[in-house]
Protein backbone atom coordinates (compact mmCIF):
# COMPACT_ATOMS: atom_id res chain seq x y z
CA MET A 1 0.06 0.39 0.08
CA SER A 2 1.56 3.05 -0.69
CA LEU A 3 1.17 6.07 1.39
CA VAL A 4 -0.97 9.90 -0.58
CA PRO A 5 0.24 12.56 0.71
CA CYS A 6 -3.42 14.56 1.48
CA LEU A 7 -4.38 17.71 3.26
CA VAL A 8 -7.61 16.94 5.63
CA THR A 9 -8.82 20.15 6.51
CA ALA A 10 -11.65 18.88 8.71
CA SER A 11 -12.15 16.39 11.88
CA VAL A 12 -13.05 13.04 10.94
CA GLU A 13 -16.81 11.82 12.80
CA VAL A 14 -16.45 8.77 14.86
CA ARG A 15 -20.21 7.37 16.32
CA PHE A 16 -21.34 3.77 17.51
CA VAL A 17 -24.73 2.78 16.66
CA ARG A 18 -26.55 -0.97 17.07
CA GLY A 19 -27.25 -3.08 14.87
CA ASP A 20 -31.48 -2.86 13.58
CA ASP A 21 -33.59 -3.83 10.91
CA ILE A 22 -33.52 -1.64 7.99
CA TYR A 23 -33.81 -3.36 4.91
CA LEU A 24 -30.56 -0.52 3.65
CA SER A 25 -29.37 0.40 6.60
CA PRO A 26 -25.41 1.10 7.39
CA CYS A 27 -26.03 -0.92 10.90
CA TYR A 28 -28.46 -3.61 9.40
CA LYS A 29 -28.09 -6.73 11.62
CA ARG A 30 -24.78 -5.59 13.58
CA ASP A 31 -23.56 -2.84 15.74
CA SER A 32 -21.43 -0.83 14.05
CA CYS A 33 -18.72 2.06 14.09
CA LEU A 34 -19.48 4.71 11.76
CA ILE A 35 -16.69 6.89 10.60
CA ASN A 36 -17.56 9.90 8.31
CA ILE A 37 -15.04 12.09 6.56
CA VAL A 38 -15.98 15.95 6.22
CA MET A 39 -13.59 17.85 3.44
CA TYR A 40 -13.96 22.00 3.71
CA ARG A 41 -13.73 24.06 0.91
CA PRO A 42 -12.48 27.29 3.52
CA TYR A 43 -13.74 30.14 1.56
CA GLY A 44 -14.81 28.52 -1.56
CA LYS A 45 -11.41 27.29 -2.46
CA TYR A 46 -11.35 24.19 -4.65
CA VAL A 47 -9.72 21.18 -2.02
CA ASN A 48 -8.16 17.98 -3.94
CA HIS A 49 -10.16 15.30 -2.22
CA ARG A 50 -9.81 12.26 -4.35
CA ALA A 51 -7.15 10.83 -3.00
CA TYR A 52 -8.24 10.89 0.51
CA TRP A 53 -11.34 9.65 -0.49
CA SER A 54 -10.87 7.48 -2.36
CA ALA A 55 -7.60 5.94 0.35
CA PHE A 56 -10.95 6.27 2.97
CA GLU A 57 -13.58 4.28 0.59
CA ARG A 58 -11.06 1.31 -0.08
CA ILE A 59 -10.24 1.09 3.71
CA MET A 60 -13.76 1.04 4.55
CA SER A 61 -13.97 -1.53 2.27
CA GLU A 62 -11.48 -3.67 3.23
CA ALA A 63 -12.95 -3.50 6.96
CA GLY A 64 -16.70 -4.96 5.43
CA GLY A 65 -17.93 -0.93 5.82
CA ARG A 66 -20.92 -0.08 4.38
CA PRO A 67 -21.57 3.70 3.47
CA HIS A 68 -23.50 5.96 4.08
CA TRP A 69 -26.58 6.80 1.94
CA ALA A 70 -25.84 10.56 1.66
CA LYS A 71 -21.90 10.81 1.32
CA ALA A 72 -20.14 10.16 -1.72
CA HIS A 73 -18.97 6.71 -3.14
CA LYS A 74 -18.37 5.46 -6.10
CA LEU A 75 -20.25 1.76 -5.43
CA THR A 76 -23.14 0.72 -7.92
CA ALA A 77 -25.93 -1.93 -7.47
CA GLU A 78 -23.54 -5.57 -8.04
CA THR A 79 -21.42 -3.96 -4.94
CA PHE A 80 -24.82 -3.19 -2.61
CA GLN A 81 -26.33 -6.69 -3.51
CA GLN A 82 -23.38 -8.08 -1.65
CA LEU A 83 -22.74 -5.74 1.12
CA TYR A 84 -26.54 -5.72 1.59
CA PRO A 85 -28.60 -8.99 2.86
CA LYS A 86 -31.76 -7.72 1.95
CA PHE A 87 -30.75 -5.40 -0.89
CA SER A 88 -33.03 -7.58 -3.17
CA ASP A 89 -36.07 -7.36 -1.50
CA PHE A 90 -35.55 -3.81 -0.99
CA CYS A 91 -34.97 -3.18 -4.44
CA LYS A 92 -38.26 -5.68 -5.17
CA VAL A 93 -40.50 -3.34 -2.66
CA ARG A 94 -39.57 -0.60 -4.53
CA GLN A 95 -40.47 -1.71 -7.86
CA THR A 96 -43.87 -2.07 -6.67
CA LEU A 97 -44.17 0.79 -4.87
CA ASP A 98 -42.51 3.13 -8.00
CA PRO A 99 -43.18 0.82 -10.91
CA LYS A 100 -42.89 3.77 -13.47
CA GLY A 101 -39.27 4.92 -11.94
CA VAL A 102 -40.61 8.22 -10.99
CA PHE A 103 -38.27 8.64 -8.35
CA MET A 104 -35.12 7.54 -10.12
CA ASN A 105 -32.74 9.51 -11.73
CA ASP A 106 -28.74 8.48 -12.68
CA TYR A 107 -27.76 8.48 -9.11
CA MET A 108 -31.19 5.70 -8.35
CA ASN A 109 -30.19 3.58 -11.31
CA ARG A 110 -26.53 3.01 -10.27
CA VAL A 111 -26.99 2.26 -6.62
CA LEU A 112 -31.02 0.48 -7.43
CA LEU A 113 -30.40 -1.25 -10.64
CA ILE A 114 -28.48 -4.56 -11.35
CA ALA A 115 -27.11 -4.72 -15.07
CA SER A 116 -27.66 -7.70 -16.95
CA SER A 117 -28.85 -8.54 -20.48
CA GLU A 118 -32.15 -7.65 -20.66
CA SER A 119 -30.94 -3.85 -18.07
CA HIS A 120 -27.70 -3.38 -19.23
CA ASN A 121 -29.04 0.00 -21.05
CA HIS A 122 -32.31 0.39 -19.29
CA LYS A 123 -33.02 3.68 -17.58
CA TYR A 124 -36.13 4.76 -16.09
CA VAL A 125 -37.57 7.54 -17.21
CA ASN A 126 -39.81 9.90 -15.76
CA THR A 127 -42.69 9.25 -16.92
CA ALA A 128 -45.23 11.35 -14.54
CA GLN A 129 -47.63 13.94 -15.46
CA PHE A 130 -47.96 17.56 -14.42
């Protein structure tokens, strides 16, 4: 493993959470230590965060971590299917409640749709009538 120097401009958040039974919770069926990182943009300046975030994501992945849904990450539905035991069940519920994909967007497509020969190029189109 090579170390990449990074300027870290914020603290690391650490908290402990009891396991739960929420299908897509990072704490599903396991007590967890949640570790979050933030990169502030002092005075609106660009801060090169890619090396720091990539190293953090790799470390968390190697430790069996599940990302927070509101945090930036590069994972796809295929990875989430491995990380979350109830991922397929959640996707079935989502499909039942939103069969036309009204609540889908590029991010949701990436994290919820499994690529297959049938759905590889499939994207939901917002069909809501206003």
